[in-house]
Amino acid sequence: MNSNYTNLPPVVNRNTIDQKAFVNFYVSPLEVDSQTLDVVTGFFTSRGFDISAAASFASVILAQAKKDNTNPLTIIDTLKGYDNLQLNSLVAEITNYNRYKTSFLGFGPIFNANPEIARNVLP
């Protein structure tokens, strides 16, 4: 028996109808129809998200839709009515719900330094 040892990943059969999107390394994979994954990822890439960010957020949407027993395409239909600022705020909020509490994403007001404190700061 001739075994070749390698550190390359195993060859994935592309003929399967399900793709696995890993939400977390230690959690069982989420099995999703490949067309649904492409539609959700394509929605976010069409709205200006990077491919990796779109895929990451698509996995969060798909996992939450499975928990809520909801069709993810209805969520995407709802998000089509949002403008970019509303969509970015929603993405930040949903991402905050699905991450560790020690890190937080969001928007805040621009910091204006007190003039008495600013005079001691060199540019």
N, C-alpha and C. Protein backbone atom coordinates (compact mmCIF):
# COMPACT_ATOMS: atom_id res chain seq x y z
N MET A 1 0.85 -1.17 0.00
CA MET A 1 0.00 0.00 0.00
C MET A 1 0.89 1.23 0.00
N ASN A 2 0.70 2.10 -0.97
CA ASN A 2 1.51 3.29 -1.12
C ASN A 2 0.72 4.49 -0.62
N SER A 3 1.17 5.08 0.48
CA SER A 3 0.50 6.25 1.04
C SER A 3 1.41 7.46 0.88
N ASN A 4 0.88 8.49 0.30
CA ASN A 4 1.62 9.74 0.20
C ASN A 4 1.12 10.68 1.28
N TYR A 5 2.04 11.11 2.13
CA TYR A 5 1.67 12.01 3.20
C TYR A 5 1.89 13.44 2.72
N THR A 6 0.92 14.28 3.01
CA THR A 6 1.00 15.66 2.56
C THR A 6 0.29 16.56 3.56
N ASN A 7 0.63 17.83 3.52
CA ASN A 7 -0.07 18.79 4.37
C ASN A 7 -1.11 19.57 3.59
N LEU A 8 -1.36 19.16 2.36
CA LEU A 8 -2.40 19.79 1.55
C LEU A 8 -3.77 19.32 2.00
N PRO A 9 -4.78 20.19 1.85
CA PRO A 9 -6.13 19.76 2.26
C PRO A 9 -6.65 18.66 1.34
N PRO A 10 -7.57 17.85 1.82
CA PRO A 10 -8.13 16.80 0.96
C PRO A 10 -8.90 17.41 -0.20
N VAL A 11 -8.95 16.69 -1.28
CA VAL A 11 -9.66 17.15 -2.47
C VAL A 11 -11.16 17.09 -2.19
N VAL A 12 -11.83 18.20 -2.45
CA VAL A 12 -13.26 18.29 -2.19
C VAL A 12 -14.00 17.95 -3.47
N ASN A 13 -15.00 17.08 -3.33
CA ASN A 13 -15.82 16.72 -4.48
C ASN A 13 -16.80 17.87 -4.74
N ARG A 14 -16.69 18.53 -5.88
CA ARG A 14 -17.52 19.69 -6.19
C ARG A 14 -18.90 19.30 -6.71
N ASN A 15 -19.18 18.01 -6.81
CA ASN A 15 -20.48 17.57 -7.31
C ASN A 15 -21.54 17.50 -6.22
N THR A 16 -21.16 17.75 -4.98
CA THR A 16 -22.14 17.68 -3.90
C THR A 16 -23.02 18.91 -3.94
N ILE A 17 -24.25 18.78 -3.48
CA ILE A 17 -25.17 19.91 -3.51
C ILE A 17 -25.09 20.75 -2.25
N ASP A 18 -24.42 20.26 -1.23
CA ASP A 18 -24.31 21.01 0.02
C ASP A 18 -22.88 21.46 0.21
N GLN A 19 -22.73 22.66 0.69
CA GLN A 19 -21.43 23.17 1.09
C GLN A 19 -21.50 23.42 2.59
N LYS A 20 -20.37 23.30 3.20
CA LYS A 20 -20.34 23.47 4.64
C LYS A 20 -19.72 24.82 4.97
N ALA A 21 -20.44 25.60 5.70
CA ALA A 21 -19.93 26.89 6.17
C ALA A 21 -19.67 26.76 7.66
N PHE A 22 -18.43 26.90 8.04
CA PHE A 22 -18.08 26.74 9.44
C PHE A 22 -18.28 28.05 10.17
N VAL A 23 -19.13 28.01 11.16
CA VAL A 23 -19.38 29.19 11.95
C VAL A 23 -18.28 29.33 13.00
N ASN A 24 -17.89 28.25 13.58
CA ASN A 24 -16.86 28.24 14.60
C ASN A 24 -16.10 26.93 14.44
N PHE A 25 -14.82 26.94 14.77
CA PHE A 25 -13.99 25.76 14.55
C PHE A 25 -14.46 24.56 15.37
N TYR A 26 -14.91 24.80 16.59
CA TYR A 26 -15.27 23.71 17.48
C TYR A 26 -16.76 23.36 17.45
N VAL A 27 -17.50 23.99 16.59
CA VAL A 27 -18.93 23.73 16.48
C VAL A 27 -19.16 22.91 15.21
N SER A 28 -20.14 22.07 15.24
CA SER A 28 -20.43 21.26 14.05
C SER A 28 -20.76 22.16 12.86
N PRO A 29 -20.42 21.74 11.66
CA PRO A 29 -20.63 22.60 10.49
C PRO A 29 -22.10 22.79 10.17
N LEU A 30 -22.37 23.89 9.52
CA LEU A 30 -23.71 24.22 9.09
C LEU A 30 -23.84 23.82 7.63
N GLU A 31 -24.73 22.89 7.32
CA GLU A 31 -24.90 22.44 5.95
C GLU A 31 -25.96 23.29 5.27
N VAL A 32 -25.57 23.87 4.14
CA VAL A 32 -26.41 24.82 3.43
C VAL A 32 -26.40 24.46 1.95
N ASP A 33 -27.52 24.69 1.30
CA ASP A 33 -27.59 24.52 -0.14
C ASP A 33 -26.62 25.51 -0.79
N SER A 34 -25.84 25.06 -1.76
CA SER A 34 -24.81 25.90 -2.36
C SER A 34 -25.40 27.11 -3.08
N GLN A 35 -26.57 26.97 -3.65
CA GLN A 35 -27.20 28.11 -4.32
C GLN A 35 -27.61 29.18 -3.32
N THR A 36 -28.11 28.78 -2.17
CA THR A 36 -28.48 29.73 -1.14
C THR A 36 -27.26 30.46 -0.63
N LEU A 37 -26.17 29.73 -0.41
CA LEU A 37 -24.93 30.35 0.04
C LEU A 37 -24.43 31.35 -0.99
N ASP A 38 -24.51 31.01 -2.27
CA ASP A 38 -24.06 31.93 -3.32
C ASP A 38 -24.94 33.17 -3.39
N VAL A 39 -26.24 33.01 -3.21
CA VAL A 39 -27.15 34.17 -3.26
C VAL A 39 -26.87 35.11 -2.10
N VAL A 40 -26.73 34.58 -0.90
CA VAL A 40 -26.50 35.42 0.27
C VAL A 40 -25.14 36.09 0.18
N THR A 41 -24.11 35.36 -0.22
CA THR A 41 -22.78 35.95 -0.37
C THR A 41 -22.78 36.98 -1.49
N GLY A 42 -23.45 36.69 -2.59
CA GLY A 42 -23.53 37.62 -3.71
C GLY A 42 -24.24 38.91 -3.36
N PHE A 43 -25.23 38.84 -2.47
CA PHE A 43 -25.93 40.05 -2.06
C PHE A 43 -24.96 41.01 -1.37
N PHE A 44 -24.15 40.47 -0.46
CA PHE A 44 -23.24 41.34 0.28
C PHE A 44 -22.08 41.83 -0.58
N THR A 45 -21.61 41.02 -1.52
CA THR A 45 -20.55 41.50 -2.41
C THR A 45 -21.09 42.57 -3.37
N SER A 46 -22.35 42.47 -3.76
CA SER A 46 -22.93 43.50 -4.62
C SER A 46 -23.14 44.81 -3.88
N ARG A 47 -23.21 44.76 -2.56
CA ARG A 47 -23.38 45.97 -1.77
C ARG A 47 -22.05 46.56 -1.30
N GLY A 48 -20.92 46.04 -1.83
CA GLY A 48 -19.62 46.64 -1.55
C GLY A 48 -18.78 45.92 -0.51
N PHE A 49 -19.23 44.79 0.01
CA PHE A 49 -18.45 44.03 0.98
C PHE A 49 -17.35 43.27 0.27
N ASP A 50 -16.23 43.07 0.95
CA ASP A 50 -15.16 42.23 0.43
C ASP A 50 -15.65 40.79 0.39
N ILE A 51 -15.04 39.97 -0.44
CA ILE A 51 -15.51 38.58 -0.61
C ILE A 51 -15.42 37.80 0.69
N SER A 52 -14.32 37.97 1.42
CA SER A 52 -14.18 37.23 2.68
C SER A 52 -15.16 37.74 3.73
N ALA A 53 -15.38 39.04 3.78
CA ALA A 53 -16.35 39.59 4.73
C ALA A 53 -17.76 39.17 4.37
N ALA A 54 -18.06 39.14 3.08
CA ALA A 54 -19.40 38.72 2.64
C ALA A 54 -19.64 37.25 2.98
N ALA A 55 -18.64 36.42 2.77
CA ALA A 55 -18.80 35.00 3.10
C ALA A 55 -18.95 34.79 4.61
N SER A 56 -18.19 35.56 5.37
CA SER A 56 -18.27 35.44 6.84
C SER A 56 -19.64 35.88 7.34
N PHE A 57 -20.12 37.00 6.84
CA PHE A 57 -21.42 37.48 7.31
C PHE A 57 -22.55 36.62 6.77
N ALA A 58 -22.37 36.04 5.58
CA ALA A 58 -23.39 35.13 5.05
C ALA A 58 -23.52 33.90 5.93
N SER A 59 -22.40 33.41 6.46
CA SER A 59 -22.49 32.26 7.36
C SER A 59 -23.21 32.61 8.65
N VAL A 60 -23.04 33.85 9.13
CA VAL A 60 -23.76 34.29 10.33
C VAL A 60 -25.26 34.37 10.04
N ILE A 61 -25.64 34.93 8.89
CA ILE A 61 -27.05 35.03 8.51
C ILE A 61 -27.66 33.64 8.36
N LEU A 62 -26.94 32.73 7.72
CA LEU A 62 -27.46 31.38 7.49
C LEU A 62 -27.61 30.61 8.80
N ALA A 63 -26.65 30.78 9.71
CA ALA A 63 -26.74 30.10 11.00
C ALA A 63 -27.92 30.62 11.82
N GLN A 64 -28.11 31.95 11.80
CA GLN A 64 -29.22 32.52 12.55
C GLN A 64 -30.56 32.13 11.93
N ALA A 65 -30.62 32.06 10.60
CA ALA A 65 -31.85 31.64 9.94
C ALA A 65 -32.19 30.19 10.28
N LYS A 66 -31.16 29.36 10.41
CA LYS A 66 -31.42 27.97 10.78
C LYS A 66 -31.91 27.88 12.23
N LYS A 67 -31.33 28.69 13.13
CA LYS A 67 -31.78 28.69 14.52
C LYS A 67 -33.24 29.14 14.63
N ASP A 68 -33.60 30.15 13.82
CA ASP A 68 -34.95 30.70 13.87
C ASP A 68 -35.93 29.95 12.98
N ASN A 69 -35.44 28.93 12.27
CA ASN A 69 -36.26 28.15 11.35
C ASN A 69 -36.93 29.06 10.31
N THR A 70 -36.09 29.91 9.70
CA THR A 70 -36.53 30.89 8.72
C THR A 70 -35.80 30.67 7.42
N ASN A 71 -36.41 31.01 6.31
CA ASN A 71 -35.74 30.94 5.02
C ASN A 71 -34.79 32.13 4.90
N PRO A 72 -33.49 31.91 4.65
CA PRO A 72 -32.55 33.02 4.56
C PRO A 72 -32.81 33.95 3.39
N LEU A 73 -33.49 33.47 2.36
CA LEU A 73 -33.78 34.33 1.22
C LEU A 73 -34.82 35.40 1.56
N THR A 74 -35.70 35.12 2.51
CA THR A 74 -36.64 36.16 2.95
C THR A 74 -35.90 37.25 3.72
N ILE A 75 -34.85 36.87 4.42
CA ILE A 75 -34.03 37.87 5.12
C ILE A 75 -33.35 38.77 4.11
N ILE A 76 -32.81 38.17 3.05
CA ILE A 76 -32.14 38.95 2.01
C ILE A 76 -33.13 39.88 1.31
N ASP A 77 -34.35 39.40 1.08
CA ASP A 77 -35.37 40.25 0.47
C ASP A 77 -35.69 41.45 1.37
N THR A 78 -35.68 41.25 2.66
CA THR A 78 -35.90 42.35 3.59
C THR A 78 -34.74 43.33 3.56
N LEU A 79 -33.52 42.83 3.47
CA LEU A 79 -32.34 43.69 3.48
C LEU A 79 -32.18 44.49 2.20
N LYS A 80 -32.85 44.10 1.12
CA LYS A 80 -32.74 44.84 -0.14
C LYS A 80 -33.28 46.25 -0.03
N GLY A 81 -34.19 46.49 0.89
CA GLY A 81 -34.76 47.83 1.06
C GLY A 81 -33.89 48.77 1.87
N TYR A 82 -32.80 48.28 2.45
CA TYR A 82 -31.95 49.11 3.28
C TYR A 82 -30.93 49.85 2.43
N ASP A 83 -30.60 51.09 2.81
CA ASP A 83 -29.50 51.77 2.15
C ASP A 83 -28.19 51.31 2.80
N ASN A 84 -27.06 51.78 2.27
CA ASN A 84 -25.76 51.27 2.73
C ASN A 84 -25.48 51.58 4.19
N LEU A 85 -25.88 52.76 4.66
CA LEU A 85 -25.64 53.10 6.06
C LEU A 85 -26.46 52.22 6.99
N GLN A 86 -27.71 51.99 6.66
CA GLN A 86 -28.55 51.11 7.48
C GLN A 86 -28.03 49.69 7.46
N LEU A 87 -27.58 49.23 6.29
CA LEU A 87 -27.05 47.87 6.18
C LEU A 87 -25.77 47.72 6.98
N ASN A 88 -24.88 48.70 6.94
CA ASN A 88 -23.65 48.64 7.72
C ASN A 88 -23.92 48.64 9.21
N SER A 89 -24.90 49.43 9.64
CA SER A 89 -25.27 49.44 11.06
C SER A 89 -25.84 48.10 11.48
N LEU A 90 -26.67 47.50 10.63
CA LEU A 90 -27.25 46.20 10.94
C LEU A 90 -26.18 45.11 10.99
N VAL A 91 -25.24 45.16 10.04
CA VAL A 91 -24.15 44.18 10.03
C VAL A 91 -23.32 44.30 11.31
N ALA A 92 -23.02 45.51 11.74
CA ALA A 92 -22.26 45.71 12.97
C ALA A 92 -23.03 45.17 14.18
N GLU A 93 -24.32 45.42 14.22
CA GLU A 93 -25.11 44.96 15.35
C GLU A 93 -25.23 43.44 15.40
N ILE A 94 -25.50 42.82 14.27
CA ILE A 94 -25.62 41.36 14.24
C ILE A 94 -24.27 40.71 14.53
N THR A 95 -23.21 41.29 14.01
CA THR A 95 -21.87 40.75 14.29
C THR A 95 -21.54 40.85 15.77
N ASN A 96 -21.96 41.93 16.42
CA ASN A 96 -21.71 42.07 17.85
C ASN A 96 -22.45 41.01 18.66
N TYR A 97 -23.62 40.61 18.22
CA TYR A 97 -24.36 39.56 18.92
C TYR A 97 -23.69 38.20 18.80
N ASN A 98 -22.90 38.01 17.75
CA ASN A 98 -22.29 36.71 17.48
C ASN A 98 -20.79 36.69 17.72
N ARG A 99 -20.28 37.54 18.54
CA ARG A 99 -18.86 37.55 18.83
C ARG A 99 -18.65 37.67 20.34
N TYR A 100 -17.40 37.53 20.75
CA TYR A 100 -17.09 37.63 22.17
C TYR A 100 -17.42 39.03 22.68
N LYS A 101 -17.80 39.11 23.93
CA LYS A 101 -18.22 40.38 24.51
C LYS A 101 -17.03 41.31 24.81
N THR A 102 -15.82 40.81 24.65
CA THR A 102 -14.65 41.66 24.91
C THR A 102 -14.32 42.56 23.73
N SER A 103 -14.89 42.30 22.58
CA SER A 103 -14.66 43.16 21.42
C SER A 103 -16.00 43.64 20.91
N PHE A 104 -16.03 44.84 20.41
CA PHE A 104 -17.29 45.46 20.02
C PHE A 104 -17.07 46.28 18.76
N LEU A 105 -17.97 46.15 17.80
CA LEU A 105 -17.93 46.95 16.58
C LEU A 105 -19.05 47.97 16.63
N GLY A 106 -18.83 49.11 16.02
CA GLY A 106 -19.90 50.08 15.99
C GLY A 106 -19.44 51.44 15.52
N PHE A 107 -20.35 52.36 15.61
CA PHE A 107 -20.10 53.72 15.20
C PHE A 107 -20.22 54.62 16.41
N GLY A 108 -19.43 55.66 16.43
CA GLY A 108 -19.49 56.58 17.55
C GLY A 108 -19.27 57.99 17.07
N PRO A 109 -19.54 58.95 17.95
CA PRO A 109 -19.32 60.33 17.55
C PRO A 109 -17.82 60.63 17.43
N ILE A 110 -17.52 61.63 16.63
CA ILE A 110 -16.12 62.04 16.47
C ILE A 110 -15.66 62.68 17.76
N PHE A 111 -14.48 62.29 18.19
CA PHE A 111 -13.95 62.81 19.45
C PHE A 111 -13.45 64.22 19.25
N ASN A 112 -13.95 65.15 20.03
CA ASN A 112 -13.49 66.53 20.03
C ASN A 112 -12.79 66.77 21.35
N ALA A 113 -11.51 67.06 21.26
CA ALA A 113 -10.74 67.27 22.48
C ALA A 113 -11.07 68.62 23.10
N ASN A 114 -11.02 68.66 24.39
CA ASN A 114 -11.20 69.89 25.13
C ASN A 114 -10.04 70.82 24.77
N PRO A 115 -10.30 72.12 24.49
CA PRO A 115 -9.21 73.01 24.09
C PRO A 115 -8.10 73.12 25.13
N GLU A 116 -8.44 73.01 26.40
CA GLU A 116 -7.41 73.09 27.44
C GLU A 116 -6.49 71.88 27.42
N ILE A 117 -7.05 70.73 27.03
CA ILE A 117 -6.24 69.52 26.94
C ILE A 117 -5.49 69.49 25.61
N ALA A 118 -6.12 69.98 24.55
CA ALA A 118 -5.52 69.93 23.23
C ALA A 118 -4.27 70.79 23.12
N ARG A 119 -4.14 71.82 23.92
CA ARG A 119 -2.96 72.70 23.81
C ARG A 119 -1.69 71.99 24.25
N ASN A 120 -1.82 70.91 25.03
CA ASN A 120 -0.65 70.19 25.49
C ASN A 120 -0.26 69.04 24.57
N VAL A 121 -1.04 68.81 23.53
CA VAL A 121 -0.78 67.72 22.61
C VAL A 121 -0.04 68.28 21.39
N LEU A 122 1.12 67.71 21.10
CA LEU A 122 1.88 68.15 19.94
C LEU A 122 1.44 67.40 18.71
N PRO A 123 1.36 68.09 17.55
CA PRO A 123 0.94 67.40 16.33
C PRO A 123 2.00 66.48 15.79
